[in-house]
C-alpha atoms as a PDB file:
ATOM      1  CA  MET A   1      61.000 -46.710 -53.741  1.00  0.00           C
ATOM      2  CA  SER A   2      57.891 -47.507 -55.747  1.00  0.00           C
ATOM      3  CA  ASP A   3      58.491 -51.231 -55.215  1.00  0.00           C
ATOM      4  CA  PHE A   4      58.619 -50.580 -51.456  1.00  0.00           C
ATOM      5  CA  LEU A   5      55.357 -48.634 -51.547  1.00  0.00           C
ATOM      6  CA  GLN A   6      53.653 -51.411 -53.483  1.00  0.00           C
ATOM      7  CA  SER A   7      55.065 -54.178 -51.317  1.00  0.00           C
ATOM      8  CA  GLY A   8      53.801 -55.614 -48.072  1.00  0.00           C
ATOM      9  CA  ALA A   9      56.642 -53.877 -46.253  1.00  0.00           C
ATOM     10  CA  MET A  10      54.844 -50.538 -46.496  1.00  0.00           C
ATOM     11  CA  SER A  11      51.607 -52.068 -45.226  1.00  0.00           C
ATOM     12  CA  LEU A  12      53.464 -53.665 -42.325  1.00  0.00           C
ATOM     13  CA  PHE A  13      55.145 -50.348 -41.483  1.00  0.00           C
ATOM     14  CA  LEU A  14      51.805 -48.525 -41.492  1.00  0.00           C
ATOM     15  CA  PHE A  15      50.349 -51.251 -39.288  1.00  0.00           C
ATOM     16  CA  HIS A  16      53.148 -50.935 -36.738  1.00  0.00           C
ATOM     17  CA  ILE A  17      52.855 -47.146 -36.452  1.00  0.00           C
ATOM     18  CA  SER A  18      49.091 -47.367 -36.030  1.00  0.00           C
ATOM     19  CA  ILE A  19      48.942 -49.868 -33.180  1.00  0.00           C
ATOM     20  CA  PHE A  20      48.896 -49.037 -29.483  1.00  0.00           C
ATOM     21  CA  PRO A  21      50.961 -47.400 -28.052  1.00  0.00           C
ATOM     22  CA  THR A  22      52.949 -46.231 -31.093  1.00  0.00           C
ATOM     23  CA  VAL A  23      49.825 -44.661 -32.592  1.00  0.00           C
ATOM     24  CA  ILE A  24      49.812 -42.113 -29.730  1.00  0.00           C
ATOM     25  CA  PHE A  25      53.263 -40.874 -30.695  1.00  0.00           C
ATOM     26  CA  THR A  26      52.399 -41.081 -34.398  1.00  0.00           C
ATOM     27  CA  GLY A  27      49.597 -38.599 -33.727  1.00  0.00           C
ATOM     28  CA  LEU A  28      51.944 -36.320 -31.775  1.00  0.00           C
ATOM     29  CA  VAL A  29      54.539 -36.428 -34.561  1.00  0.00           C
ATOM     30  CA  LEU A  30      51.916 -35.499 -37.148  1.00  0.00           C
ATOM     31  CA  PHE A  31      50.761 -32.629 -34.937  1.00  0.00           C
ATOM     32  CA  VAL A  32      54.230 -31.120 -34.464  1.00  0.00           C
ATOM     33  CA  MET A  33      55.039 -31.602 -38.164  1.00  0.00           C
ATOM     34  CA  LEU A  34      51.872 -29.694 -39.073  1.00  0.00           C
ATOM     35  CA  TYR A  35      52.730 -26.986 -36.539  1.00  0.00           C
ATOM     36  CA  TRP A  36      56.267 -26.436 -37.828  1.00  0.00           C
ATOM     37  CA  LEU A  37      54.976 -26.481 -41.412  1.00  0.00           C
ATOM     38  CA  THR A  38      52.537 -23.681 -40.605  1.00  0.00           C
ATOM     39  CA  VAL A  39      55.383 -21.743 -38.966  1.00  0.00           C
ATOM     40  CA  LEU A  40      57.537 -22.130 -42.086  1.00  0.00           C
ATOM     41  CA  LEU A  41      54.636 -21.026 -44.274  1.00  0.00           C
ATOM     42  CA  GLY A  42      54.035 -18.017 -42.032  1.00  0.00           C
ATOM     43  CA  VAL A  43      50.538 -19.057 -40.977  1.00  0.00           C
ATOM     44  CA  PHE A  44      51.579 -18.970 -37.312  1.00  0.00           C
ATOM     45  CA  GLU A  45      54.455 -17.242 -35.579  1.00  0.00           C
ATOM     46  CA  LEU A  46      56.774 -19.203 -33.350  1.00  0.00           C
ATOM     47  CA  ASP A  47      56.027 -18.363 -29.726  1.00  0.00           C
ATOM     48  CA  SER A  48      59.298 -18.120 -27.838  1.00  0.00           C
ATOM     49  CA  GLY A  49      57.565 -18.108 -24.440  1.00  0.00           C
ATOM     50  CA  ASP A  50      57.098 -21.148 -22.261  1.00  0.00           C
ATOM     51  CA  MET A  51      53.703 -22.371 -21.103  1.00  0.00           C
ATOM     52  CA  GLU A  52      52.559 -21.140 -17.727  1.00  0.00           C
ATOM     53  CA  PHE A  53      51.387 -23.494 -14.992  1.00  0.00           C
ATOM     54  CA  GLY A  54      50.158 -23.024 -11.474  1.00  0.00           C
ATOM     55  CA  ASP A  55      52.446 -23.583  -8.522  1.00  0.00           C
ATOM     56  CA  GLY A  56      50.835 -26.911  -7.690  1.00  0.00           C
ATOM     57  CA  ASP A  57      50.354 -28.088 -11.260  1.00  0.00           C
ATOM     58  CA  MET A  58      51.355 -31.757 -11.676  1.00  0.00           C
ATOM     59  CA  LEU A  59      52.662 -31.164 -15.207  1.00  0.00           C
ATOM     60  CA  ALA A  60      54.762 -28.234 -14.022  1.00  0.00           C
ATOM     61  CA  GLY A  61      56.286 -30.440 -11.332  1.00  0.00           C
ATOM     62  CA  LEU A  62      57.016 -33.165 -13.877  1.00  0.00           C
ATOM     63  CA  LEU A  63      58.693 -30.713 -16.238  1.00  0.00           C
ATOM     64  CA  MET A  64      60.845 -29.338 -13.438  1.00  0.00           C
ATOM     65  CA  LYS A  65      61.815 -32.838 -12.301  1.00  0.00           C
ATOM     66  CA  PHE A  66      63.160 -33.643 -15.755  1.00  0.00           C
ATOM     67  CA  GLY A  67      64.689 -30.182 -16.233  1.00  0.00           C
ATOM     68  CA  LEU A  68      62.208 -29.197 -18.942  1.00  0.00           C
ATOM     69  CA  ASN A  69      60.987 -25.944 -17.417  1.00  0.00           C
ATOM     70  CA  ASP A  70      61.950 -22.631 -19.056  1.00  0.00           C
ATOM     71  CA  VAL A  71      61.780 -24.268 -22.513  1.00  0.00           C
ATOM     72  CA  PRO A  72      59.005 -23.499 -25.055  1.00  0.00           C
ATOM     73  CA  ILE A  73      56.401 -26.235 -24.763  1.00  0.00           C
ATOM     74  CA  LEU A  74      56.319 -26.913 -28.542  1.00  0.00           C
ATOM     75  CA  ILE A  75      60.054 -27.591 -28.590  1.00  0.00           C
ATOM     76  CA  ILE A  76      59.637 -30.023 -25.696  1.00  0.00           C
ATOM     77  CA  LEU A  77      56.722 -31.700 -27.475  1.00  0.00           C
ATOM     78  CA  THR A  78      58.712 -31.972 -30.715  1.00  0.00           C
ATOM     79  CA  PHE A  79      61.618 -33.801 -29.104  1.00  0.00           C
ATOM     80  CA  PHE A  80      59.340 -35.889 -26.876  1.00  0.00           C
ATOM     81  CA  SER A  81      57.078 -37.041 -29.725  1.00  0.00           C
ATOM     82  CA  LEU A  82      59.920 -37.927 -32.121  1.00  0.00           C
ATOM     83  CA  ILE A  83      61.914 -39.790 -29.471  1.00  0.00           C
ATOM     84  CA  GLY A  84      58.785 -41.509 -28.138  1.00  0.00           C
ATOM     85  CA  TRP A  85      57.735 -42.559 -31.647  1.00  0.00           C
ATOM     86  CA  ILE A  86      61.119 -44.155 -32.371  1.00  0.00           C
ATOM     87  CA  VAL A  87      61.408 -45.873 -28.975  1.00  0.00           C
ATOM     88  CA  SER A  88      57.840 -47.194 -29.050  1.00  0.00           C
ATOM     89  CA  PHE A  89      58.197 -48.408 -32.643  1.00  0.00           C
ATOM     90  CA  VAL A  90      61.443 -50.249 -31.875  1.00  0.00           C
ATOM     91  CA  LEU A  91      60.205 -51.811 -28.629  1.00  0.00           C
ATOM     92  CA  MET A  92      56.962 -53.049 -30.166  1.00  0.00           C
ATOM     93  CA  ASN A  93      58.869 -54.537 -33.113  1.00  0.00           C
ATOM     94  CA  VAL A  94      61.284 -56.294 -30.758  1.00  0.00           C
ATOM     95  CA  LEU A  95      58.378 -57.736 -28.794  1.00  0.00           C
ATOM     96  CA  ALA A  96      56.680 -58.823 -32.031  1.00  0.00           C
ATOM     97  CA  PHE A  97      59.878 -60.596 -33.069  1.00  0.00           C
ATOM     98  CA  VAL A  98      60.200 -62.345 -29.690  1.00  0.00           C
ATOM     99  CA  SER A  99      56.512 -63.255 -29.435  1.00  0.00           C
ATOM    100  CA  GLN A 100      54.994 -64.360 -32.716  1.00  0.00           C
ATOM    101  CA  ASP A 101      51.494 -64.151 -31.191  1.00  0.00           C
ATOM    102  CA  LEU A 102      51.806 -60.467 -30.270  1.00  0.00           C
ATOM    103  CA  LEU A 103      50.377 -58.986 -33.463  1.00  0.00           C
ATOM    104  CA  ALA A 104      47.498 -61.459 -33.657  1.00  0.00           C
ATOM    105  CA  ASN A 105      46.544 -61.459 -29.960  1.00  0.00           C
ATOM    106  CA  VAL A 106      44.812 -58.156 -29.177  1.00  0.00           C
ATOM    107  CA  VAL A 107      44.747 -58.727 -25.401  1.00  0.00           C
ATOM    108  CA  LEU A 108      48.450 -59.570 -25.272  1.00  0.00           C
ATOM    109  CA  ARG A 109      49.319 -56.658 -27.547  1.00  0.00           C
ATOM    110  CA  THR A 110      47.348 -54.206 -25.417  1.00  0.00           C
ATOM    111  CA  THR A 111      48.826 -55.480 -22.145  1.00  0.00           C
ATOM    112  CA  LEU A 112      52.409 -55.346 -23.372  1.00  0.00           C
ATOM    113  CA  GLY A 113      51.613 -52.065 -25.112  1.00  0.00           C
ATOM    114  CA  ALA A 114      50.709 -50.474 -21.777  1.00  0.00           C
ATOM    115  CA  VAL A 115      54.086 -51.518 -20.363  1.00  0.00           C
ATOM    116  CA  VAL A 116      55.839 -50.194 -23.467  1.00  0.00           C
ATOM    117  CA  LEU A 117      53.957 -46.904 -23.146  1.00  0.00           C
ATOM    118  CA  LEU A 118      55.161 -46.341 -19.583  1.00  0.00           C
ATOM    119  CA  ALA A 119      58.739 -47.261 -20.505  1.00  0.00           C
ATOM    120  CA  THR A 120      58.625 -45.074 -23.609  1.00  0.00           C
ATOM    121  CA  VAL A 121      57.349 -42.017 -21.732  1.00  0.00           C
ATOM    122  CA  ALA A 122      60.125 -42.360 -19.136  1.00  0.00           C
ATOM    123  CA  ILE A 123      62.832 -42.830 -21.777  1.00  0.00           C
ATOM    124  CA  ALA A 124      61.488 -40.024 -23.983  1.00  0.00           C
ATOM    125  CA  LEU A 125      61.336 -37.569 -21.074  1.00  0.00           C
ATOM    126  CA  TRP A 126      64.884 -38.427 -20.041  1.00  0.00           C
ATOM    127  CA  LEU A 127      66.328 -38.119 -23.556  1.00  0.00           C
ATOM    128  CA  THR A 128      64.325 -34.949 -24.223  1.00  0.00           C
ATOM    129  CA  SER A 129      65.812 -33.353 -21.115  1.00  0.00           C
ATOM    130  CA  LEU A 130      69.298 -34.096 -22.475  1.00  0.00           C
ATOM    131  CA  PHE A 131      68.564 -32.661 -25.921  1.00  0.00           C
ATOM    132  CA  VAL A 132      66.935 -29.445 -24.670  1.00  0.00           C
ATOM    133  CA  ARG A 133      69.523 -28.747 -21.971  1.00  0.00           C
ATOM    134  CA  PRO A 134      71.446 -26.250 -24.178  1.00  0.00           C
ATOM    135  CA  ILE A 135      68.164 -24.582 -25.187  1.00  0.00           C
ATOM    136  CA  ARG A 136      67.162 -24.305 -21.517  1.00  0.00           C
ATOM    137  CA  ARG A 137      70.420 -22.557 -20.633  1.00  0.00           C
ATOM    138  CA  VAL A 138      69.853 -19.996 -23.394  1.00  0.00           C
ATOM    139  CA  ALA A 139      66.186 -19.554 -22.452  1.00  0.00           C
ATOM    140  CA  LYS A 140      67.069 -18.928 -18.804  1.00  0.00           C
ATOM    141  CA  SER A 141      69.828 -16.433 -19.550  1.00  0.00           C
ATOM    142  CA  ASN A 142      68.116 -14.573 -22.378  1.00  0.00           C
ATOM    143  CA  PRO A 143      65.539 -12.612 -20.291  1.00  0.00           C
ATOM    144  CA  THR A 144      68.144 -11.224 -17.916  1.00  0.00           C
ATOM    145  CA  THR A 145      70.502 -10.188 -20.686  1.00  0.00           C
ATOM    146  CA  THR A 146      67.797  -8.424 -22.697  1.00  0.00           C
ATOM    147  CA  ALA A 147      65.750  -6.924 -19.837  1.00  0.00           C
ATOM    148  CA  SER A 148      67.763  -3.728 -19.546  1.00  0.00           C
ATOM    149  CA  ARG A 149      67.398  -2.806 -23.206  1.00  0.00           C
ATOM    150  CA  LEU A 150      63.649  -3.555 -23.221  1.00  0.00           C
ATOM    151  CA  LEU A 151      62.730  -1.460 -20.191  1.00  0.00           C
ATOM    152  CA  GLY A 152      60.886   1.716 -21.116  1.00  0.00           C
ATOM    153  CA  LYS A 153      59.623   0.339 -24.434  1.00  0.00           C
ATOM    154  CA  VAL A 154      55.935   0.128 -25.359  1.00  0.00           C
ATOM    155  CA  ALA A 155      54.216  -3.165 -26.083  1.00  0.00           C
ATOM    156  CA  THR A 156      50.693  -4.218 -27.094  1.00  0.00           C
ATOM    157  CA  VAL A 157      48.640  -6.578 -24.918  1.00  0.00           C
ATOM    158  CA  ARG A 158      47.904  -9.820 -26.809  1.00  0.00           C
ATOM    159  CA  THR A 159      45.909 -11.737 -24.167  1.00  0.00           C
ATOM    160  CA  MET A 160      42.318 -11.000 -23.198  1.00  0.00           C
ATOM    161  CA  THR A 161      43.522  -9.462 -19.951  1.00  0.00           C
ATOM    162  CA  VAL A 162      46.656  -8.578 -18.012  1.00  0.00           C
ATOM    163  CA  ASP A 163      46.695  -8.597 -14.212  1.00  0.00           C
ATOM    164  CA  LYS A 164      49.099  -9.450 -11.392  1.00  0.00           C
ATOM    165  CA  ASP A 165      49.012 -13.174 -12.191  1.00  0.00           C
ATOM    166  CA  TYR A 166      48.720 -13.486 -15.954  1.00  0.00           C
ATOM    167  CA  GLY A 167      49.225 -11.712 -19.252  1.00  0.00           C
ATOM    168  CA  GLU A 168      51.280 -11.422 -22.436  1.00  0.00           C
ATOM    169  CA  ALA A 169      52.183  -8.533 -24.701  1.00  0.00           C
ATOM    170  CA  VAL A 170      53.876  -8.162 -28.080  1.00  0.00           C
ATOM    171  CA  LEU A 171      56.835  -5.831 -28.465  1.00  0.00           C
ATOM    172  CA  GLU A 172      57.490  -4.855 -32.077  1.00  0.00           C
ATOM    173  CA  ASP A 173      61.184  -5.317 -32.876  1.00  0.00           C
ATOM    174  CA  GLY A 174      61.138  -4.899 -36.636  1.00  0.00           C
ATOM    175  CA  GLY A 175      60.639  -8.639 -37.155  1.00  0.00           C
ATOM    176  CA  ALA A 176      58.028 -11.105 -35.975  1.00  0.00           C
ATOM    177  CA  GLY A 177      57.781  -9.308 -32.639  1.00  0.00           C
ATOM    178  CA  LEU A 178      58.763 -10.390 -29.124  1.00  0.00           C
ATOM    179  CA  ILE A 179      56.101 -12.121 -27.038  1.00  0.00           C
ATOM    180  CA  LEU A 180      56.657 -11.196 -23.404  1.00  0.00           C
ATOM    181  CA  LYS A 181      55.009 -12.197 -20.148  1.00  0.00           C
ATOM    182  CA  VAL A 182      53.682  -9.078 -18.425  1.00  0.00           C
ATOM    183  CA  ARG A 183      52.106  -8.303 -15.056  1.00  0.00           C
ATOM    184  CA  ALA A 184      50.051  -5.320 -13.865  1.00  0.00           C
ATOM    185  CA  PHE A 185      49.695  -4.684 -10.136  1.00  0.00           C
ATOM    186  CA  ASP A 186      47.715  -1.423  -9.841  1.00  0.00           C
ATOM    187  CA  THR A 187      45.206  -2.008 -12.623  1.00  0.00           C
ATOM    188  CA  THR A 188      44.243  -4.446 -15.380  1.00  0.00           C
ATOM    189  CA  PHE A 189      44.648  -4.164 -19.133  1.00  0.00           C
ATOM    190  CA  SER A 190      42.724  -5.600 -22.056  1.00  0.00           C
ATOM    191  CA  GLN A 191      43.738  -6.950 -25.444  1.00  0.00           C
ATOM    192  CA  GLY A 192      45.071  -4.185 -27.668  1.00  0.00           C
ATOM    193  CA  ASP A 193      46.040  -1.824 -24.836  1.00  0.00           C
ATOM    194  CA  LYS A 194      49.432  -0.127 -25.021  1.00  0.00           C
ATOM    195  CA  VAL A 195      51.640  -0.747 -21.982  1.00  0.00           C
ATOM    196  CA  ARG A 196      55.133   0.367 -21.012  1.00  0.00           C
ATOM    197  CA  LEU A 197      57.704  -2.060 -19.602  1.00  0.00           C
ATOM    198  CA  MET A 198      58.843  -0.682 -16.258  1.00  0.00           C
ATOM    199  CA  ALA A 199      60.718  -3.480 -14.463  1.00  0.00           C
ATOM    200  CA  TYR A 200      61.830  -7.059 -15.014  1.00  0.00           C
ATOM    201  CA  LEU A 201      60.468  -9.629 -12.552  1.00  0.00           C
ATOM    202  CA  SER A 202      63.119 -12.357 -12.627  1.00  0.00           C
ATOM    203  CA  GLU A 203      61.200 -14.840 -10.457  1.00  0.00           C
ATOM    204  CA  GLN A 204      58.226 -14.782 -12.836  1.00  0.00           C
ATOM    205  CA  ASN A 205      60.246 -14.214 -16.011  1.00  0.00           C
ATOM    206  CA  ALA A 206      57.860 -11.339 -16.676  1.00  0.00           C
ATOM    207  CA  TYR A 207      57.760  -7.549 -16.938  1.00  0.00           C
ATOM    208  CA  HIS A 208      55.898  -5.124 -14.704  1.00  0.00           C
ATOM    209  CA  VAL A 209      53.876  -2.868 -16.995  1.00  0.00           C
ATOM    210  CA  VAL A 210      51.930   0.377 -16.610  1.00  0.00           C
ATOM    211  CA  ALA A 211      49.663   2.278 -18.959  1.00  0.00           C
ATOM    212  CA  ASP A 212      51.461   4.085 -21.750  1.00  0.00           C
ATOM    213  CA  SER A 213      50.500   7.729 -21.207  1.00  0.00           C
END
């Protein structure tokens, strides 16, 4: 191992993961590794909710097209970054083997790198959708199976505000706590307010809440 670290092979490996477009996925991999490390160390809690987007959001449409909706965004990003890093690394190495001038010619490397980036994104999205398919099925079924036992319980607002369009609350369950999407139709709530879960809104994957009196 030490011989590998001291050899040119390590330098070549570092070079390949730091060139365009592989460097983009290298950065993403480092980000998700740091995130999961902080989760393991207890610095952050794993958010089981999925990211919210507007109805006309381009990213939301892309996620739905590849079947990536209803899955926590950090799980999607983890699979996407790892798969993208491997695919990009392999493709760029294949091109470097075929064209000996690739590594030395910056213009050629950038041009082919742009093509590799587009191909890598498409492949990574497709493979990610396959890997997260079981997670998506669980994520979609979980709210409906747990809604009945959560109704009537009191949660604490965690976002700056809760209204008819946006809001989250934490329900203490004896563990890390459940992070739930909540909606308020007759009033608004602020961070720290206590709210009671009154009904499950299946279309929004959220709970209708009222003030806890």
